[in-house]
Amino acid sequence: MTDTLTAAGLTAEEKRARLAELLRRKAGPLRQFPLSFAQQRLWFLDQLEPGNPAYNIISALRMRGPLDVPAMERSVADLVRRHEPLRTIFRTSSGEPVQVVLPYRDLKLPVEALDAPEEERDAVAHERVAREMETPFDLARGPLFRARILRLGEDDHVLLLGMHHIVTDGWSIGVLYRELCTSYAAYTEGREPELPALPIQYADYATWQRNNTQVLEEQLAFWRRTLAGAPALLELPLDHPRPPVQTHDGGMVRLRYPPAFGETMRSLALRLEATSFMVVLAAFYALLARWSGQDDIVVGTPTAGRSRRETEALVGFFINTIALRTRLDGDPTFEELVQRVRQTTIDAYAHQDVPFERVVDELKVERALSHSPVTQVNVILHTEPVDPIVLGDLKLGLVEPEPASTQYELSFSLRDRWKGMPMEFDVEYNRNLFDRATVERMADHFHSIFMAAAADPTLRLSQLPLGDQAEREEALAKWNRTEAAYPDGPVHALVAAQAARTPAAAAVISSAGRLSYAELLGRAHRL
């Protein structure tokens, strides 16, 4: 099919109209479309483990003040009518998965009463959102978009939106909230909302992606070279044995750094002629290298996957993962490590159009049920300001309970919202592998490494400190203080004296059993 998105001699509007016409004609009257590569991966995972909540995306907006429920219902209905993924299901046709776009039907927004005393409302809201996070989706039957209002009090509500990742991503949540604000403002003022028409839909993009093979093949050659021979697993010390089949039981450590951390990050990036992401990523590489003992490390990072303007206003699963492989051999200085990371990221982002799923397939890596292929650790830096959500005079906030499931073994997420605001640092982890205390210690080590590198980028990887002075004092001094005052006399006399004082106390504990001091002394006498 002609690459309509890049066809020459047409205006942007003509390109979009032509693309939509060609793709819809090809799709036929059944409104069935192929899956994007990213969707196909999630569909396949759902076949292996139906209803796995690891790919549930939940957004809960707390609204305090007088809520116009009919206006909110019409606003949510507009979202479903405008964005086809919110009414899409996934079935098989001739043995192949297809996405089926269902016709729009009137949407009713249920209101679920959870009336509770004011002092209990926060806990009730978090419990209900956590329950929604664990409620599975059926890809074949749908719906894959759920919306309801939770009523906690007369002027206290939560708008709860739930979607499967196969039809949405983080960018899409921003699109939904922007349109929701526009529609709600219009309906509460008694007028119709003015939203721009969508020239294409996600299914059109998925069909285009399937036919845009030339660019993908060119970029795949880069990934074959870059990831050839990469280690299959990052060998971090685990608190629990790795299960034979990968699990998704998730936990979260949330930290807040003072605004000075963000200033330090930006200043260091400027000094080293790199981006903030590059210096943060270098610090994470240093952390992972010190914890794992490996000097060849692959981490994943998400990209928006919306390199074409036509996709910016769409809801859908565009996000892509790119694998960033950096070698840390030779004990480089932090400054040298940043330069390595700089080249790694520049090269990777220049080849980001290849879906991660295609990269994994192309590498033909040996699959293991116990861990994800290529990379098990994710690093994210959010530096863009988040558009504020405004719904009339309502006072708004987000309900964010700890995730009950996780896609990665470790996911480090730093958010630099606004200059002068605290830096948010979240670590999502697999609780079947790590204890919370271990993850908290790892986060502390990252902070120590980063601040030391910022103070002196010429420090080598081996010189970057793990932990603060108190932790180093405990590990190097306190735990090594083995001196002790022992009474004079032969050992057998000391044991006999102890047996006289505490005959029932344990003297020996082994796999063969337990001996008290009295029993030990008796055996010694028999000998």
Protein backbone atom coordinates (compact mmCIF):
# COMPACT_ATOMS: atom_id res chain seq x y z
CA MET A 1 0.00 0.00 0.00
CA THR A 2 1.22 3.53 -0.72
CA ASP A 3 2.71 5.23 2.30
CA THR A 4 -0.05 7.81 2.54
CA LEU A 5 1.44 9.46 5.61
CA THR A 6 4.50 10.47 3.62
CA ALA A 7 2.98 10.90 0.14
CA ALA A 8 4.40 13.92 -1.68
CA GLY A 9 2.39 16.65 -3.38
CA LEU A 10 -0.53 16.59 -0.93
CA THR A 11 -1.48 18.93 1.87
CA ALA A 12 -1.54 17.54 5.39
CA GLU A 13 -5.35 17.44 5.40
CA GLU A 14 -5.41 15.65 2.03
CA LYS A 15 -2.90 13.09 3.28
CA ARG A 16 -4.97 12.34 6.36
CA ALA A 17 -8.20 12.08 4.39
CA ARG A 18 -6.58 9.84 1.79
CA LEU A 19 -5.10 7.57 4.43
CA ALA A 20 -8.40 7.16 6.22
CA GLU A 21 -10.25 6.43 2.97
CA LEU A 22 -7.73 3.84 1.73
CA LEU A 23 -7.43 2.00 5.01
CA ARG A 24 -11.14 1.87 5.72
CA ARG A 25 -11.83 0.63 2.20
CA LYS A 26 -9.25 -2.11 2.74
CA ALA A 27 -10.73 -3.05 6.11
CA GLY A 28 -14.15 -3.76 4.57
CA PRO A 29 -17.64 -3.58 6.08
CA LEU A 30 -16.87 -5.83 9.09
CA ARG A 31 -14.72 -3.07 10.64
CA GLN A 32 -11.94 -5.56 11.32
CA PHE A 33 -8.33 -4.43 11.31
CA PRO A 34 -4.97 -6.08 11.96
CA LEU A 35 -3.28 -5.61 15.30
CA SER A 36 -0.28 -3.35 15.69
CA PHE A 37 2.90 -5.17 16.69
CA ALA A 38 2.56 -3.91 20.26
CA GLN A 39 -1.05 -5.05 20.45
CA GLN A 40 -0.11 -8.47 19.12
CA ARG A 41 2.37 -8.95 21.96
CA LEU A 42 -0.25 -8.11 24.61
CA TRP A 43 -2.81 -10.30 22.86
CA PHE A 44 -0.34 -13.20 22.88
CA LEU A 45 0.43 -12.67 26.58
CA ASP A 46 -3.30 -12.64 27.32
CA GLN A 47 -3.64 -15.99 25.56
CA LEU A 48 -0.98 -17.41 27.89
CA GLU A 49 -2.47 -15.88 31.03
CA PRO A 50 -6.01 -14.58 30.43
CA GLY A 51 -7.10 -11.68 32.62
CA ASN A 52 -3.63 -10.86 33.96
CA PRO A 53 -4.12 -7.45 35.67
CA ALA A 54 -0.50 -6.42 35.03
CA TYR A 55 -1.72 -4.61 31.92
CA ASN A 56 -4.66 -2.81 33.51
CA ILE A 57 -4.40 0.99 33.33
CA ILE A 58 -6.50 2.73 35.95
CA SER A 59 -6.96 6.47 36.43
CA ALA A 60 -8.95 7.81 39.38
CA LEU A 61 -9.77 11.53 39.60
CA ARG A 62 -10.96 12.80 43.00
CA MET A 63 -13.51 15.62 42.60
CA ARG A 64 -14.55 17.72 45.58
CA GLY A 65 -17.43 20.14 45.09
CA PRO A 66 -20.83 20.12 43.35
CA LEU A 67 -20.57 17.65 40.44
CA ASP A 68 -22.87 17.88 37.41
CA VAL A 69 -23.34 14.13 36.85
CA PRO A 70 -25.35 14.40 33.57
CA ALA A 71 -22.68 16.69 32.09
CA MET A 72 -19.97 14.24 33.15
CA GLU A 73 -21.89 11.32 31.62
CA ARG A 74 -22.21 13.15 28.28
CA SER A 75 -18.51 14.04 28.41
CA VAL A 76 -17.44 10.43 28.95
CA ALA A 77 -19.83 9.31 26.21
CA ASP A 78 -18.12 11.74 23.82
CA LEU A 79 -14.78 10.02 24.53
CA VAL A 80 -16.16 6.61 23.61
CA ARG A 81 -17.87 7.96 20.49
CA ARG A 82 -14.76 9.81 19.26
CA HIS A 83 -12.07 7.23 20.02
CA GLU A 84 -12.60 3.80 18.48
CA PRO A 85 -10.12 1.91 20.72
CA LEU A 86 -12.49 2.48 23.66
CA ARG A 87 -15.08 0.31 21.87
CA THR A 88 -12.72 -2.22 20.30
CA ILE A 89 -12.47 -5.92 21.09
CA PHE A 90 -10.02 -8.60 19.91
CA ARG A 91 -11.02 -11.83 18.21
CA THR A 92 -9.52 -14.34 15.79
CA SER A 93 -10.32 -14.55 12.08
CA SER A 94 -8.90 -17.39 9.99
CA GLY A 95 -6.59 -18.19 12.87
CA GLU A 96 -5.19 -14.64 13.14
CA PRO A 97 -6.03 -12.03 15.79
CA VAL A 98 -7.95 -8.98 14.58
CA GLN A 99 -9.29 -5.90 16.30
CA VAL A 100 -12.99 -5.37 15.81
CA VAL A 101 -14.38 -1.85 16.19
CA LEU A 102 -17.89 -1.99 17.59
CA PRO A 103 -20.53 0.61 16.72
CA TYR A 104 -21.13 3.30 19.31
CA ARG A 105 -24.02 2.76 21.68
CA ASP A 106 -25.39 5.17 24.24
CA LEU A 107 -23.23 5.14 27.34
CA LYS A 108 -24.63 5.23 30.85
CA LEU A 109 -22.22 6.34 33.56
CA PRO A 110 -23.08 4.41 36.72
CA VAL A 111 -22.83 6.12 40.09
CA GLU A 112 -21.69 3.76 42.86
CA ALA A 113 -22.54 4.98 46.35
CA LEU A 114 -19.69 4.50 48.83
CA ASP A 115 -20.94 6.92 51.46
CA ALA A 116 -18.46 6.98 54.29
CA PRO A 117 -17.54 9.21 57.24
CA GLU A 118 -15.20 11.97 56.16
CA GLU A 119 -12.24 10.54 58.08
CA GLU A 120 -12.61 7.20 56.27
CA ARG A 121 -13.15 8.46 52.72
CA ASP A 122 -9.52 8.38 51.63
CA ALA A 123 -9.14 4.76 52.69
CA VAL A 124 -12.44 3.78 51.05
CA ALA A 125 -11.43 5.48 47.78
CA HIS A 126 -8.02 3.78 47.74
CA GLU A 127 -9.55 0.38 48.47
CA ARG A 128 -12.09 0.72 45.65
CA VAL A 129 -9.47 1.88 43.14
CA ALA A 130 -7.16 -0.98 44.17
CA ARG A 131 -10.02 -3.42 43.56
CA GLU A 132 -10.55 -1.96 40.08
CA MET A 133 -6.84 -2.42 39.34
CA GLU A 134 -7.26 -6.15 39.98
CA THR A 135 -10.48 -6.58 37.95
CA PRO A 136 -9.62 -8.45 34.72
CA PHE A 137 -10.62 -7.57 31.17
CA ASP A 138 -11.87 -10.05 28.56
CA LEU A 139 -10.23 -9.05 25.27
CA ALA A 140 -12.64 -11.07 23.15
CA ARG A 141 -15.87 -9.95 24.79
CA GLY A 142 -15.06 -6.51 26.14
CA PRO A 143 -15.66 -3.84 27.07
CA LEU A 144 -12.03 -2.79 27.40
CA PHE A 145 -13.02 0.63 28.74
CA ARG A 146 -14.87 0.96 32.04
CA ALA A 147 -16.06 4.19 33.61
CA ARG A 148 -18.03 4.92 36.77
CA ILE A 149 -18.44 7.56 39.43
CA LEU A 150 -17.81 6.65 43.06
CA ARG A 151 -19.89 8.74 45.45
CA LEU A 152 -18.08 9.21 48.76
CA GLY A 153 -20.23 12.08 49.96
CA GLU A 154 -22.64 14.73 48.70
CA ASP A 155 -19.82 16.82 47.24
CA ASP A 156 -17.07 14.20 47.13
CA HIS A 157 -16.75 11.93 44.07
CA VAL A 158 -14.16 9.88 42.19
CA LEU A 159 -14.23 9.47 38.42
CA LEU A 160 -12.85 5.98 37.87
CA LEU A 161 -11.58 5.11 34.38
CA GLY A 162 -10.25 1.62 33.67
CA MET A 163 -8.73 0.35 30.41
CA HIS A 164 -6.65 -2.52 29.17
CA HIS A 165 -3.21 -1.44 27.96
CA ILE A 166 -3.94 -2.95 24.55
CA VAL A 167 -6.18 0.04 23.74
CA THR A 168 -4.40 2.88 25.54
CA ASP A 169 -1.17 4.26 27.00
CA GLY A 170 0.02 7.09 29.25
CA TRP A 171 -0.16 9.73 26.50
CA SER A 172 -3.74 8.64 25.78
CA ILE A 173 -4.75 9.39 29.37
CA GLY A 174 -3.69 13.00 28.79
CA VAL A 175 -5.75 13.12 25.58
CA LEU A 176 -8.81 11.77 27.41
CA TYR A 177 -8.57 14.27 30.25
CA ARG A 178 -8.06 17.24 27.92
CA GLU A 179 -11.16 16.34 25.93
CA LEU A 180 -13.08 15.56 29.12
CA CYS A 181 -12.34 19.05 30.44
CA THR A 182 -13.45 20.67 27.17
CA SER A 183 -16.70 18.71 26.99
CA TYR A 184 -17.60 19.11 30.68
CA ALA A 185 -17.06 22.88 30.53
CA ALA A 186 -19.31 23.12 27.47
CA TYR A 187 -22.13 20.97 28.80
CA THR A 188 -22.22 22.73 32.18
CA GLU A 189 -22.56 26.03 30.27
CA GLY A 190 -25.39 24.68 28.10
CA ARG A 191 -23.48 24.51 24.80
CA GLU A 192 -21.98 21.84 22.56
CA PRO A 193 -18.24 21.15 22.90
CA GLU A 194 -15.95 22.12 20.03
CA LEU A 195 -13.48 19.29 19.47
CA PRO A 196 -11.47 18.89 16.27
CA ALA A 197 -12.39 15.98 14.02
CA LEU A 198 -10.10 12.97 14.08
CA PRO A 199 -8.96 12.25 10.50
CA ILE A 200 -7.66 8.76 11.37
CA GLN A 201 -8.09 6.25 14.17
CA TYR A 202 -5.70 3.83 15.86
CA ALA A 203 -6.79 0.92 13.65
CA ASP A 204 -5.74 2.96 10.63
CA TYR A 205 -2.31 3.46 12.18
CA ALA A 206 -2.02 -0.28 12.94
CA THR A 207 -2.75 -1.13 9.30
CA TRP A 208 -0.23 1.45 8.09
CA GLN A 209 2.41 0.06 10.47
CA ARG A 210 1.90 -3.44 9.12
CA ASN A 211 2.48 -2.17 5.58
CA ASN A 212 5.40 0.14 6.33
CA THR A 213 7.94 -2.66 6.15
CA GLN A 214 10.84 -0.91 4.42
CA VAL A 215 11.66 1.45 7.31
CA LEU A 216 11.30 -1.35 9.84
CA GLU A 217 13.68 -3.63 7.96
CA GLU A 218 16.32 -0.90 7.70
CA GLN A 219 16.17 -0.19 11.43
CA LEU A 220 16.10 -3.86 12.41
CA ALA A 221 19.64 -4.23 11.07
CA PHE A 222 20.79 -1.69 13.68
CA TRP A 223 19.16 -3.60 16.54
CA ARG A 224 20.63 -6.90 15.36
CA ARG A 225 24.13 -5.40 15.55
CA THR A 226 23.56 -3.51 18.80
CA LEU A 227 22.03 -6.31 20.86
CA ALA A 228 23.99 -9.25 19.45
CA GLY A 229 25.49 -11.21 22.34
CA ALA A 230 23.85 -9.07 25.01
CA PRO A 231 23.41 -10.78 28.41
CA ALA A 232 20.03 -12.45 28.70
CA LEU A 233 19.56 -11.55 32.35
CA LEU A 234 20.64 -8.79 34.73
CA GLU A 235 21.89 -10.76 37.73
CA LEU A 236 20.83 -8.55 40.63
CA PRO A 237 20.93 -10.13 44.11
CA LEU A 238 17.40 -11.30 44.89
CA ASP A 239 15.68 -11.64 48.25
CA HIS A 240 13.67 -14.64 47.04
CA PRO A 241 14.40 -17.44 44.55
CA ARG A 242 13.28 -16.59 41.02
CA PRO A 243 10.01 -18.48 40.34
CA PRO A 244 10.09 -20.88 37.37
CA VAL A 245 7.27 -18.85 35.79
CA GLN A 246 7.46 -15.06 35.83
CA THR A 247 5.07 -13.36 38.25
CA HIS A 248 3.70 -9.81 38.36
CA ASP A 249 3.04 -9.19 42.06
CA GLY A 250 3.90 -5.50 42.35
CA GLY A 251 4.92 -3.07 45.06
CA MET A 252 5.93 0.59 45.05
CA VAL A 253 8.45 2.73 46.90
CA ARG A 254 7.66 6.45 46.59
CA LEU A 255 10.29 9.05 47.40
CA ARG A 256 10.40 12.82 47.05
CA TYR A 257 13.65 14.68 46.52
CA PRO A 258 13.94 18.41 47.28
CA PRO A 259 13.93 20.89 44.36
CA ALA A 260 17.72 21.14 44.68
CA PHE A 261 17.99 17.62 43.23
CA GLY A 262 16.36 18.74 40.00
CA GLU A 263 18.62 21.79 39.84
CA THR A 264 21.66 19.56 40.34
CA MET A 265 20.47 17.20 37.58
CA ARG A 266 19.99 20.00 35.07
CA SER A 267 23.29 21.68 35.98
CA LEU A 268 25.23 18.41 35.64
CA ALA A 269 23.66 17.73 32.25
CA LEU A 270 24.68 21.18 31.06
CA ARG A 271 28.29 20.71 32.28
CA LEU A 272 28.62 17.33 30.56
CA GLU A 273 26.87 18.44 27.34
CA ALA A 274 24.16 15.83 27.76
CA THR A 275 20.45 15.70 28.50
CA SER A 276 19.00 15.20 31.97
CA PHE A 277 17.91 11.72 30.95
CA MET A 278 21.46 10.80 29.94
CA VAL A 279 23.03 11.77 33.28
CA VAL A 280 20.22 10.09 35.26
CA LEU A 281 20.55 6.95 33.13
CA ALA A 282 24.32 6.91 33.67
CA ALA A 283 23.75 6.96 37.43
CA PHE A 284 21.33 4.05 37.14
CA TYR A 285 23.86 2.10 35.06
CA ALA A 286 26.43 2.73 37.79
CA LEU A 287 23.97 1.50 40.42
CA LEU A 288 23.05 -1.65 38.50
CA ALA A 289 26.69 -2.41 37.72
CA ARG A 290 27.68 -2.16 41.37
CA TRP A 291 24.76 -4.30 42.52
CA SER A 292 25.06 -6.95 39.80
CA GLY A 293 28.83 -7.04 39.21
CA GLN A 294 28.17 -6.93 35.44
CA ASP A 295 29.74 -4.47 33.01
CA ASP A 296 27.41 -5.09 30.05
CA ILE A 297 23.90 -3.93 30.94
CA VAL A 298 20.66 -3.54 28.99
CA VAL A 299 17.79 -1.47 30.36
CA GLY A 300 14.51 -0.54 28.74
CA THR A 301 12.92 2.88 28.43
CA PRO A 302 9.57 3.83 26.90
CA THR A 303 9.07 6.17 23.96
CA ALA A 304 5.77 7.80 23.05
CA GLY A 305 5.77 6.09 19.64
CA ARG A 306 3.99 9.06 18.08
CA SER A 307 6.54 10.29 15.58
CA ARG A 308 3.80 11.47 13.18
CA ARG A 309 1.58 14.44 13.84
CA GLU A 310 -1.59 12.56 12.86
CA THR A 311 -1.24 10.34 15.93
CA GLU A 312 -0.85 13.04 18.58
CA ALA A 313 -4.59 13.46 19.30
CA LEU A 314 -5.44 9.76 19.22
CA VAL A 315 -6.16 7.26 21.96
CA GLY A 316 -4.35 3.97 21.48
CA PHE A 317 -1.40 1.76 22.34
CA PHE A 318 1.42 3.67 20.64
CA ILE A 319 4.05 3.48 23.36
CA ASN A 320 7.18 1.54 22.42
CA THR A 321 10.11 0.22 24.44
CA ILE A 322 13.68 0.64 23.29
CA ALA A 323 16.54 -1.39 24.72
CA LEU A 324 19.57 0.67 25.77
CA ARG A 325 22.77 -1.38 25.97
CA THR A 326 25.86 0.20 27.52
CA ARG A 327 29.19 -1.33 28.44
CA LEU A 328 30.85 -0.21 31.65
CA ASP A 329 34.14 -2.08 31.28
CA GLY A 330 37.45 -0.40 32.11
CA ASP A 331 36.17 1.31 35.28
CA PRO A 332 35.27 4.58 33.47
CA THR A 333 34.87 7.92 35.18
CA PHE A 334 31.29 9.11 35.51
CA GLU A 335 32.00 11.72 32.86
CA GLU A 336 33.20 9.00 30.46
CA LEU A 337 30.16 6.88 31.32
CA VAL A 338 27.82 9.76 30.43
CA GLN A 339 29.50 10.03 27.01
CA ARG A 340 28.96 6.31 26.43
CA VAL A 341 25.33 6.65 27.46
CA ARG A 342 24.96 9.71 25.25
CA GLN A 343 25.98 7.74 22.17
CA THR A 344 23.80 4.79 23.20
CA THR A 345 20.66 6.91 23.53
CA ILE A 346 21.24 8.97 20.37
CA ASP A 347 21.65 5.82 18.28
CA ALA A 348 18.67 4.07 19.91
CA TYR A 349 16.26 6.98 19.47
CA ALA A 350 17.28 7.28 15.82
CA HIS A 351 15.96 3.72 15.37
CA GLN A 352 12.94 3.84 17.69
CA ASP A 353 10.30 3.09 15.04
CA VAL A 354 10.88 -0.66 15.28
CA PRO A 355 8.41 -2.17 17.76
CA PHE A 356 10.17 -3.87 20.65
CA GLU A 357 8.26 -7.04 19.85
CA ARG A 358 9.87 -7.18 16.40
CA VAL A 359 13.32 -6.65 17.93
CA VAL A 360 12.83 -9.58 20.31
CA ASP A 361 11.60 -11.81 17.50
CA GLU A 362 14.47 -10.78 15.24
CA LEU A 363 17.12 -11.52 17.87
CA LYS A 364 15.76 -15.05 18.29
CA VAL A 365 16.75 -14.96 21.94
CA GLU A 366 16.19 -18.08 23.98
CA ARG A 367 12.89 -17.56 25.76
CA ALA A 368 12.53 -18.34 29.44
CA LEU A 369 9.26 -18.36 31.37
CA SER A 370 11.05 -17.04 34.46
CA HIS A 371 11.96 -13.59 33.10
CA SER A 372 11.32 -11.11 30.30
CA PRO A 373 13.55 -11.23 27.21
CA VAL A 374 16.34 -8.69 26.54
CA THR A 375 15.67 -6.43 29.54
CA GLN A 376 14.09 -6.80 32.97
CA VAL A 377 14.67 -3.24 34.29
CA ASN A 378 12.96 -0.07 33.11
CA VAL A 379 14.17 3.54 33.54
CA ILE A 380 11.94 6.57 32.92
CA LEU A 381 12.52 10.30 33.29
CA HIS A 382 9.48 12.54 32.89
CA THR A 383 10.62 16.12 32.30
CA GLU A 384 7.61 17.61 30.53
CA PRO A 385 5.15 19.64 32.63
CA VAL A 386 1.75 18.02 33.04
CA ASP A 387 -1.21 20.06 31.83
CA PRO A 388 -3.50 20.88 34.76
CA ILE A 389 -6.94 19.29 34.76
CA VAL A 390 -9.72 21.85 35.22
CA LEU A 391 -13.37 20.85 35.71
CA GLY A 392 -15.27 24.01 36.59
CA ASP A 393 -14.98 24.84 40.29
CA LEU A 394 -14.24 21.28 41.37
CA LYS A 395 -11.14 20.75 43.50
CA LEU A 396 -9.26 17.90 41.88
CA GLY A 397 -6.69 15.32 42.90
CA LEU A 398 -5.57 11.85 41.87
CA VAL A 399 -6.14 8.66 43.84
CA GLU A 400 -2.92 6.64 43.47
CA PRO A 401 -2.79 3.41 45.48
CA GLU A 402 0.24 1.14 45.30
CA PRO A 403 0.20 -1.02 42.16
CA ALA A 404 -0.87 -4.59 42.78
CA SER A 405 0.97 -5.87 39.71
CA THR A 406 4.03 -4.92 37.69
CA GLN A 407 5.35 -5.61 34.21
CA TYR A 408 9.04 -5.30 35.15
CA GLU A 409 11.24 -6.70 37.87
CA LEU A 410 12.31 -3.12 38.62
CA SER A 411 11.05 0.13 37.13
CA PHE A 412 12.72 3.41 38.15
CA SER A 413 10.65 6.51 37.41
CA LEU A 414 11.77 10.08 38.04
CA ARG A 415 9.35 12.95 37.44
CA ASP A 416 10.61 16.53 37.16
CA ARG A 417 7.28 18.38 37.00
CA TRP A 418 8.13 22.05 37.45
CA LYS A 419 11.19 24.07 38.29
CA GLY A 420 11.21 24.66 42.05
CA MET A 421 8.98 21.63 42.80
CA PRO A 422 10.15 18.42 44.52
CA MET A 423 11.43 15.65 42.29
CA GLU A 424 9.23 12.55 42.45
CA PHE A 425 11.03 9.19 42.46
CA ASP A 426 8.98 5.99 42.26
CA VAL A 427 10.42 2.49 42.19
CA GLU A 428 8.01 -0.23 41.12
CA TYR A 429 9.24 -3.74 41.96
CA ASN A 430 8.28 -7.38 41.81
CA ARG A 431 7.54 -8.50 45.36
CA ASN A 432 8.22 -12.14 44.53
CA LEU A 433 11.86 -11.16 43.90
CA PHE A 434 12.64 -8.18 46.15
CA ASP A 435 11.72 -7.05 49.65
CA ARG A 436 10.69 -3.46 50.18
CA ALA A 437 13.72 -2.79 52.40
CA THR A 438 16.05 -3.89 49.59
CA VAL A 439 14.40 -1.57 47.10
CA GLU A 440 14.56 1.34 49.56
CA ARG A 441 18.27 0.65 50.05
CA MET A 442 18.77 0.54 46.28
CA ALA A 443 17.02 3.91 45.94
CA ASP A 444 19.28 5.36 48.65
CA HIS A 445 22.33 4.06 46.78
CA PHE A 446 21.15 5.72 43.57
CA HIS A 447 20.89 9.05 45.39
CA SER A 448 24.38 8.63 46.87
CA ILE A 449 25.90 7.73 43.50
CA PHE A 450 24.22 10.61 41.69
CA MET A 451 25.12 13.28 44.21
CA ALA A 452 28.74 12.10 44.39
CA ALA A 453 29.00 12.08 40.59
CA ALA A 454 27.48 15.57 40.41
CA ALA A 455 30.04 16.85 42.91
CA ASP A 456 32.96 15.24 41.04
CA PRO A 457 32.26 13.68 37.59
CA THR A 458 35.90 12.52 37.40
CA LEU A 459 35.26 9.83 40.03
CA ARG A 460 35.54 6.34 38.59
CA LEU A 461 32.71 3.84 38.78
CA SER A 462 34.46 1.95 41.56
CA GLN A 463 34.86 5.16 43.57
CA LEU A 464 31.21 6.18 43.56
CA PRO A 465 29.88 5.57 47.09
CA LEU A 466 27.04 3.22 47.89
CA GLY A 467 24.96 4.61 50.75
CA ASP A 468 25.63 7.46 53.13
CA GLN A 469 28.40 7.74 55.71
CA ALA A 470 26.32 6.02 58.39
CA GLU A 471 25.70 2.96 56.20
CA ARG A 472 29.37 2.74 55.20
CA GLU A 473 30.42 3.01 58.86
CA GLU A 474 28.06 0.17 59.76
CA ALA A 475 29.25 -2.10 56.94
CA LEU A 476 32.97 -1.39 57.17
CA ALA A 477 33.45 -0.80 60.89
CA LYS A 478 30.59 -1.98 63.08
CA TRP A 479 30.05 -5.31 61.33
CA ASN A 480 33.81 -5.98 61.40
CA ARG A 481 34.25 -5.43 65.12
CA THR A 482 34.85 -9.04 66.05
CA GLU A 483 36.92 -8.46 69.17
CA ALA A 484 35.41 -9.85 72.37
CA ALA A 485 36.54 -10.38 75.98
CA TYR A 486 36.79 -14.09 76.83
CA PRO A 487 37.41 -15.50 80.35
CA ASP A 488 40.63 -17.37 81.01
CA GLY A 489 40.62 -21.16 81.08
CA PRO A 490 40.33 -24.13 78.71
CA VAL A 491 37.27 -24.36 76.43
CA HIS A 492 35.87 -27.51 78.09
CA ALA A 493 35.87 -25.78 81.47
CA LEU A 494 34.07 -22.75 80.01
CA VAL A 495 31.41 -25.01 78.45
CA ALA A 496 30.95 -26.83 81.77
CA ALA A 497 30.53 -23.51 83.60
CA GLN A 498 27.96 -22.34 81.06
CA ALA A 499 26.08 -25.67 81.41
CA ALA A 500 25.88 -25.11 85.15
CA ARG A 501 24.39 -21.63 84.63
CA THR A 502 21.97 -22.41 81.76
CA PRO A 503 21.62 -26.20 81.33
CA ALA A 504 18.49 -25.96 79.11
CA ALA A 505 19.82 -23.28 76.73
CA ALA A 506 20.72 -24.26 73.18
CA ALA A 507 24.39 -25.06 72.78
CA VAL A 508 24.38 -26.61 69.28
CA ILE A 509 21.84 -26.20 66.49
CA SER A 510 22.34 -28.04 63.20
CA SER A 511 20.44 -29.90 60.50
CA ALA A 512 20.81 -33.01 62.66
CA GLY A 513 18.93 -31.44 65.56
CA ARG A 514 19.41 -29.37 68.73
CA LEU A 515 21.54 -29.98 71.83
CA SER A 516 21.21 -28.16 75.14
CA TYR A 517 24.28 -27.38 77.25
CA ALA A 518 23.35 -30.18 79.64
CA GLU A 519 23.07 -32.67 76.76
CA LEU A 520 26.32 -31.47 75.22
CA LEU A 521 28.13 -31.85 78.55
CA GLY A 522 26.67 -35.36 79.00
CA ARG A 523 27.95 -36.45 75.58
CA ALA A 524 31.36 -34.96 76.33
CA HIS A 525 31.58 -36.95 79.59
CA ARG A 526 30.65 -40.17 77.78
CA LEU A 527 33.36 -39.50 75.23
